[in-house]
N, C-alpha and C. Protein backbone atom coordinates (compact mmCIF):
# COMPACT_ATOMS: atom_id res chain seq x y z
N UNK A 1 -19.53 -17.71 -27.16
CA UNK A 1 -19.12 -16.36 -27.51
C UNK A 1 -18.55 -15.66 -26.29
N UNK A 2 -17.44 -15.00 -26.44
CA UNK A 2 -16.80 -14.28 -25.36
C UNK A 2 -17.36 -12.87 -25.27
N UNK A 3 -17.74 -12.49 -24.06
CA UNK A 3 -18.24 -11.13 -23.84
C UNK A 3 -17.07 -10.24 -23.49
N UNK A 4 -16.98 -9.14 -24.17
CA UNK A 4 -15.93 -8.18 -23.86
C UNK A 4 -16.53 -6.82 -24.03
N UNK A 5 -16.89 -6.21 -22.92
CA UNK A 5 -17.61 -4.94 -22.97
C UNK A 5 -16.97 -3.94 -22.02
N UNK A 6 -17.07 -2.71 -22.41
CA UNK A 6 -16.66 -1.61 -21.55
C UNK A 6 -17.91 -1.13 -20.82
N UNK A 7 -17.83 -1.05 -19.51
CA UNK A 7 -18.95 -0.60 -18.69
C UNK A 7 -18.76 0.87 -18.37
N UNK A 8 -19.83 1.63 -18.40
CA UNK A 8 -19.76 3.08 -18.24
C UNK A 8 -19.31 3.50 -16.84
N UNK A 9 -18.90 4.76 -16.73
CA UNK A 9 -18.48 5.33 -15.46
C UNK A 9 -19.62 5.38 -14.47
N UNK A 10 -20.85 5.25 -14.93
CA UNK A 10 -21.99 5.32 -14.03
C UNK A 10 -22.25 3.99 -13.34
N UNK A 11 -21.22 3.12 -13.35
CA UNK A 11 -21.36 1.81 -12.71
C UNK A 11 -21.93 2.01 -11.30
N UNK A 12 -23.02 1.34 -11.03
CA UNK A 12 -23.67 1.58 -9.75
C UNK A 12 -22.99 0.85 -8.60
N UNK A 13 -23.31 1.31 -7.40
CA UNK A 13 -22.69 0.77 -6.19
C UNK A 13 -22.98 -0.71 -6.01
N UNK A 14 -24.10 -1.21 -6.55
CA UNK A 14 -24.44 -2.63 -6.42
C UNK A 14 -23.34 -3.52 -7.00
N UNK A 15 -22.79 -3.13 -8.12
CA UNK A 15 -21.77 -3.95 -8.79
C UNK A 15 -20.51 -4.00 -7.93
N UNK A 16 -20.05 -2.84 -7.47
CA UNK A 16 -18.87 -2.81 -6.62
C UNK A 16 -19.13 -3.55 -5.31
N UNK A 17 -20.34 -3.42 -4.77
CA UNK A 17 -20.68 -4.15 -3.55
C UNK A 17 -20.63 -5.65 -3.77
N UNK A 18 -21.07 -6.10 -4.94
CA UNK A 18 -21.01 -7.54 -5.25
C UNK A 18 -19.57 -8.03 -5.27
N UNK A 19 -18.65 -7.21 -5.80
CA UNK A 19 -17.24 -7.58 -5.78
C UNK A 19 -16.76 -7.74 -4.34
N UNK A 20 -17.17 -6.81 -3.48
CA UNK A 20 -16.79 -6.89 -2.07
C UNK A 20 -17.35 -8.12 -1.39
N UNK A 21 -18.61 -8.44 -1.68
CA UNK A 21 -19.22 -9.64 -1.11
C UNK A 21 -18.51 -10.90 -1.59
N UNK A 22 -18.19 -10.95 -2.88
CA UNK A 22 -17.48 -12.11 -3.42
C UNK A 22 -16.12 -12.27 -2.74
N UNK A 23 -15.44 -11.17 -2.51
CA UNK A 23 -14.13 -11.23 -1.84
C UNK A 23 -14.28 -11.78 -0.43
N UNK A 24 -15.26 -11.25 0.32
CA UNK A 24 -15.45 -11.71 1.70
C UNK A 24 -15.91 -13.17 1.76
N UNK A 25 -16.60 -13.62 0.71
CA UNK A 25 -17.06 -15.01 0.66
C UNK A 25 -15.98 -15.97 0.16
N UNK A 26 -14.83 -15.43 -0.22
CA UNK A 26 -13.76 -16.29 -0.73
C UNK A 26 -13.97 -16.72 -2.17
N UNK A 27 -14.78 -15.99 -2.91
CA UNK A 27 -15.10 -16.33 -4.30
C UNK A 27 -14.52 -15.31 -5.27
N UNK A 28 -13.42 -14.70 -4.89
CA UNK A 28 -12.77 -13.62 -5.62
C UNK A 28 -11.29 -13.95 -5.72
N UNK A 29 -10.74 -13.96 -6.92
CA UNK A 29 -9.31 -14.21 -7.11
C UNK A 29 -8.70 -12.95 -7.71
N UNK A 30 -8.05 -12.15 -6.90
CA UNK A 30 -7.53 -10.86 -7.34
C UNK A 30 -6.04 -10.87 -7.59
N UNK A 31 -5.63 -10.18 -8.63
CA UNK A 31 -4.22 -10.10 -8.99
C UNK A 31 -3.90 -11.10 -10.10
N UNK A 32 -2.78 -10.86 -10.75
CA UNK A 32 -2.39 -11.67 -11.91
C UNK A 32 -2.33 -13.15 -11.60
N UNK A 33 -1.54 -13.52 -10.61
CA UNK A 33 -1.32 -14.95 -10.34
C UNK A 33 -2.59 -15.67 -9.91
N UNK A 34 -3.34 -15.06 -9.00
CA UNK A 34 -4.57 -15.69 -8.51
C UNK A 34 -5.61 -15.81 -9.62
N UNK A 35 -5.76 -14.75 -10.42
CA UNK A 35 -6.73 -14.79 -11.52
C UNK A 35 -6.32 -15.82 -12.57
N UNK A 36 -5.04 -15.82 -12.92
CA UNK A 36 -4.54 -16.77 -13.92
C UNK A 36 -4.77 -18.20 -13.44
N UNK A 37 -4.47 -18.46 -12.18
CA UNK A 37 -4.65 -19.81 -11.63
C UNK A 37 -6.13 -20.22 -11.62
N UNK A 38 -7.00 -19.29 -11.24
CA UNK A 38 -8.43 -19.65 -11.21
C UNK A 38 -8.95 -19.96 -12.61
N UNK A 39 -8.42 -19.28 -13.62
CA UNK A 39 -8.83 -19.55 -15.00
C UNK A 39 -8.29 -20.90 -15.46
N UNK A 40 -7.00 -21.13 -15.27
CA UNK A 40 -6.39 -22.36 -15.78
C UNK A 40 -6.89 -23.60 -15.04
N UNK A 41 -7.32 -23.45 -13.80
CA UNK A 41 -7.85 -24.60 -13.05
C UNK A 41 -9.35 -24.78 -13.24
N UNK A 42 -9.96 -23.93 -14.07
CA UNK A 42 -11.37 -24.07 -14.38
C UNK A 42 -12.32 -23.56 -13.32
N UNK A 43 -11.82 -22.75 -12.39
CA UNK A 43 -12.67 -22.23 -11.31
C UNK A 43 -13.33 -20.91 -11.67
N UNK A 44 -12.73 -20.12 -12.53
CA UNK A 44 -13.23 -18.77 -12.85
C UNK A 44 -14.53 -18.85 -13.63
N UNK A 45 -15.50 -18.05 -13.21
CA UNK A 45 -16.77 -17.93 -13.93
C UNK A 45 -16.82 -16.64 -14.75
N UNK A 46 -16.17 -15.59 -14.25
CA UNK A 46 -16.06 -14.30 -14.93
C UNK A 46 -14.67 -13.74 -14.69
N UNK A 47 -14.17 -12.96 -15.65
CA UNK A 47 -12.88 -12.29 -15.51
C UNK A 47 -13.09 -10.80 -15.75
N UNK A 48 -12.42 -9.97 -14.97
CA UNK A 48 -12.56 -8.52 -15.06
C UNK A 48 -11.20 -7.86 -15.18
N UNK A 49 -11.16 -6.79 -15.96
CA UNK A 49 -9.97 -5.95 -16.10
C UNK A 49 -10.35 -4.51 -15.79
N UNK A 50 -9.44 -3.75 -15.18
CA UNK A 50 -9.68 -2.34 -14.92
C UNK A 50 -9.10 -1.51 -16.06
N UNK A 51 -9.52 -0.25 -16.15
CA UNK A 51 -9.03 0.61 -17.23
C UNK A 51 -7.55 0.91 -17.12
N UNK A 52 -7.02 0.90 -15.89
CA UNK A 52 -5.61 1.22 -15.74
C UNK A 52 -4.71 -0.02 -15.75
N UNK A 53 -5.25 -1.15 -16.16
CA UNK A 53 -4.42 -2.33 -16.38
C UNK A 53 -3.55 -2.07 -17.61
N UNK A 54 -2.35 -2.62 -17.60
CA UNK A 54 -1.46 -2.41 -18.75
C UNK A 54 -2.02 -3.13 -19.98
N UNK A 55 -1.65 -2.63 -21.14
CA UNK A 55 -2.09 -3.27 -22.38
C UNK A 55 -1.57 -4.71 -22.47
N UNK A 56 -0.37 -4.95 -21.98
CA UNK A 56 0.18 -6.31 -21.97
C UNK A 56 -0.69 -7.24 -21.14
N UNK A 57 -1.11 -6.77 -19.95
CA UNK A 57 -1.96 -7.58 -19.07
C UNK A 57 -3.33 -7.81 -19.72
N UNK A 58 -3.90 -6.77 -20.30
CA UNK A 58 -5.19 -6.92 -20.97
C UNK A 58 -5.12 -7.96 -22.08
N UNK A 59 -4.07 -7.88 -22.91
CA UNK A 59 -3.93 -8.83 -24.02
C UNK A 59 -3.70 -10.24 -23.50
N UNK A 60 -2.89 -10.37 -22.44
CA UNK A 60 -2.64 -11.70 -21.87
C UNK A 60 -3.94 -12.35 -21.42
N UNK A 61 -4.80 -11.61 -20.74
CA UNK A 61 -6.04 -12.20 -20.24
C UNK A 61 -7.09 -12.35 -21.32
N UNK A 62 -7.07 -11.52 -22.35
CA UNK A 62 -7.96 -11.74 -23.49
C UNK A 62 -7.64 -13.08 -24.14
N UNK A 63 -6.37 -13.41 -24.20
CA UNK A 63 -5.95 -14.69 -24.76
C UNK A 63 -6.22 -15.85 -23.80
N UNK A 64 -5.98 -15.62 -22.51
CA UNK A 64 -6.12 -16.68 -21.50
C UNK A 64 -7.55 -17.18 -21.37
N UNK A 65 -8.52 -16.28 -21.43
CA UNK A 65 -9.92 -16.71 -21.23
C UNK A 65 -10.46 -17.55 -22.37
N UNK A 66 -9.79 -17.54 -23.53
CA UNK A 66 -10.25 -18.35 -24.66
C UNK A 66 -9.27 -19.47 -25.03
N UNK A 67 -8.11 -19.50 -24.40
CA UNK A 67 -7.10 -20.50 -24.72
C UNK A 67 -7.63 -21.91 -24.44
N UNK A 68 -7.31 -22.82 -25.30
CA UNK A 68 -7.64 -24.24 -25.13
C UNK A 68 -9.14 -24.48 -24.98
N UNK A 69 -9.94 -23.69 -25.72
CA UNK A 69 -11.38 -23.90 -25.73
C UNK A 69 -12.15 -23.28 -24.57
N UNK A 70 -11.47 -22.53 -23.72
CA UNK A 70 -12.19 -21.89 -22.61
C UNK A 70 -13.17 -20.86 -23.15
N UNK A 71 -14.22 -20.62 -22.40
CA UNK A 71 -15.24 -19.63 -22.78
C UNK A 71 -15.60 -18.79 -21.56
N UNK A 72 -14.63 -18.16 -20.94
CA UNK A 72 -14.87 -17.36 -19.75
C UNK A 72 -15.17 -15.92 -20.16
N UNK A 73 -16.34 -15.39 -19.78
CA UNK A 73 -16.65 -14.01 -20.12
C UNK A 73 -15.64 -13.03 -19.53
N UNK A 74 -15.23 -12.07 -20.33
CA UNK A 74 -14.25 -11.07 -19.92
C UNK A 74 -14.91 -9.70 -20.00
N UNK A 75 -14.85 -8.95 -18.92
CA UNK A 75 -15.44 -7.62 -18.87
C UNK A 75 -14.33 -6.62 -18.58
N UNK A 76 -14.24 -5.58 -19.38
CA UNK A 76 -13.35 -4.48 -19.07
C UNK A 76 -14.18 -3.40 -18.42
N UNK A 77 -13.88 -3.12 -17.17
CA UNK A 77 -14.64 -2.16 -16.39
C UNK A 77 -14.07 -0.77 -16.55
N UNK A 78 -14.93 0.21 -16.55
CA UNK A 78 -14.48 1.59 -16.62
C UNK A 78 -14.28 2.11 -15.20
N UNK A 79 -13.41 1.43 -14.48
CA UNK A 79 -13.03 1.85 -13.14
C UNK A 79 -11.56 1.49 -12.94
N UNK A 80 -10.97 2.03 -11.91
CA UNK A 80 -9.54 1.87 -11.68
C UNK A 80 -9.26 0.81 -10.62
N UNK A 81 -7.98 0.47 -10.50
CA UNK A 81 -7.55 -0.45 -9.46
C UNK A 81 -7.91 0.11 -8.08
N UNK A 82 -7.80 1.41 -7.93
CA UNK A 82 -8.10 2.06 -6.65
C UNK A 82 -9.58 1.86 -6.28
N UNK A 83 -10.47 1.98 -7.25
CA UNK A 83 -11.89 1.79 -6.99
C UNK A 83 -12.18 0.34 -6.59
N UNK A 84 -11.50 -0.59 -7.23
CA UNK A 84 -11.65 -2.01 -6.85
C UNK A 84 -11.11 -2.22 -5.44
N UNK A 85 -10.01 -1.57 -5.13
CA UNK A 85 -9.44 -1.68 -3.79
C UNK A 85 -10.42 -1.17 -2.73
N UNK A 86 -11.07 -0.06 -3.00
CA UNK A 86 -12.03 0.48 -2.04
C UNK A 86 -13.21 -0.47 -1.84
N UNK A 87 -13.60 -1.17 -2.90
CA UNK A 87 -14.74 -2.09 -2.82
C UNK A 87 -14.38 -3.43 -2.19
N UNK A 88 -13.14 -3.90 -2.43
CA UNK A 88 -12.79 -5.26 -2.02
C UNK A 88 -11.70 -5.34 -0.96
N UNK A 89 -10.95 -4.27 -0.81
CA UNK A 89 -9.82 -4.32 0.10
C UNK A 89 -8.55 -4.85 -0.56
N UNK A 90 -8.61 -5.12 -1.84
CA UNK A 90 -7.45 -5.63 -2.57
C UNK A 90 -7.26 -4.82 -3.85
N UNK A 91 -6.08 -4.25 -4.00
CA UNK A 91 -5.77 -3.48 -5.20
C UNK A 91 -5.31 -4.44 -6.29
N UNK A 92 -6.06 -4.49 -7.39
CA UNK A 92 -5.70 -5.39 -8.48
C UNK A 92 -6.27 -4.86 -9.79
N UNK A 93 -5.58 -5.15 -10.88
CA UNK A 93 -6.00 -4.73 -12.22
C UNK A 93 -6.78 -5.82 -12.93
N UNK A 94 -6.63 -7.05 -12.47
CA UNK A 94 -7.36 -8.18 -13.04
C UNK A 94 -7.84 -9.05 -11.89
N UNK A 95 -9.06 -9.56 -12.03
CA UNK A 95 -9.58 -10.46 -11.00
C UNK A 95 -10.67 -11.32 -11.60
N UNK A 96 -10.94 -12.42 -10.92
CA UNK A 96 -12.00 -13.32 -11.36
C UNK A 96 -12.97 -13.56 -10.21
N UNK A 97 -14.17 -13.94 -10.58
CA UNK A 97 -15.18 -14.39 -9.62
C UNK A 97 -15.34 -15.88 -9.86
N UNK A 98 -15.30 -16.66 -8.78
CA UNK A 98 -15.25 -18.12 -8.93
C UNK A 98 -16.52 -18.83 -8.50
N UNK A 99 -17.59 -18.10 -8.29
CA UNK A 99 -18.85 -18.70 -7.86
C UNK A 99 -19.93 -18.42 -8.90
N UNK A 100 -20.67 -19.43 -9.27
CA UNK A 100 -21.71 -19.29 -10.30
C UNK A 100 -22.82 -18.33 -9.88
N UNK A 101 -23.20 -18.32 -8.61
CA UNK A 101 -24.24 -17.43 -8.12
C UNK A 101 -23.83 -15.97 -8.22
N UNK A 102 -22.63 -15.66 -7.75
CA UNK A 102 -22.12 -14.30 -7.86
C UNK A 102 -21.98 -13.90 -9.33
N UNK A 103 -21.48 -14.83 -10.13
CA UNK A 103 -21.28 -14.55 -11.56
C UNK A 103 -22.60 -14.24 -12.25
N UNK A 104 -23.63 -15.00 -11.94
CA UNK A 104 -24.94 -14.78 -12.55
C UNK A 104 -25.50 -13.41 -12.18
N UNK A 105 -25.43 -13.07 -10.90
CA UNK A 105 -25.94 -11.77 -10.45
C UNK A 105 -25.12 -10.63 -11.05
N UNK A 106 -23.81 -10.78 -11.11
CA UNK A 106 -22.96 -9.74 -11.69
C UNK A 106 -23.26 -9.55 -13.17
N UNK A 107 -23.45 -10.63 -13.90
CA UNK A 107 -23.76 -10.51 -15.32
C UNK A 107 -25.10 -9.81 -15.52
N UNK A 108 -26.05 -10.11 -14.65
CA UNK A 108 -27.35 -9.44 -14.72
C UNK A 108 -27.18 -7.93 -14.48
N UNK A 109 -26.45 -7.56 -13.44
CA UNK A 109 -26.23 -6.14 -13.14
C UNK A 109 -25.43 -5.45 -14.23
N UNK A 110 -24.40 -6.11 -14.72
CA UNK A 110 -23.57 -5.52 -15.76
C UNK A 110 -24.33 -5.36 -17.08
N UNK A 111 -25.18 -6.30 -17.39
CA UNK A 111 -25.99 -6.20 -18.61
C UNK A 111 -26.96 -5.04 -18.52
N UNK A 112 -27.56 -4.88 -17.35
CA UNK A 112 -28.46 -3.73 -17.12
C UNK A 112 -27.71 -2.43 -17.26
N UNK A 113 -26.52 -2.37 -16.65
CA UNK A 113 -25.69 -1.17 -16.68
C UNK A 113 -25.25 -0.87 -18.11
N UNK A 114 -24.91 -1.93 -18.85
CA UNK A 114 -24.44 -1.77 -20.23
C UNK A 114 -25.52 -1.18 -21.12
N UNK A 115 -26.79 -1.48 -20.83
CA UNK A 115 -27.90 -0.97 -21.65
C UNK A 115 -28.18 0.50 -21.39
N UNK A 116 -27.79 1.00 -20.21
CA UNK A 116 -28.05 2.40 -19.86
C UNK A 116 -27.12 3.35 -20.55
């Protein structure tokens, strides 16, 4: 089952900090081409979209994460490209996390946030 959830504006600093850690660890693929490549090569564990991503980009990645039997969780965050840039140093509307450890911790934090 594909997860597709909108996360509230109250997203805590831990989640954004995890994105920054993943970027510094080299486990972050930001931007269209890098995210698309990580998904198609089977490296992506989670995929994220920002609210200010274009509808075309959102639809493309909704299709990409399930194409050819893929089951990559997709999260639409209630934050902007600018907020991601402040957390990671890279301005992007779509990005993936390519490490299972980071992905597990992020899903735990996002699930907690989603329940609030």
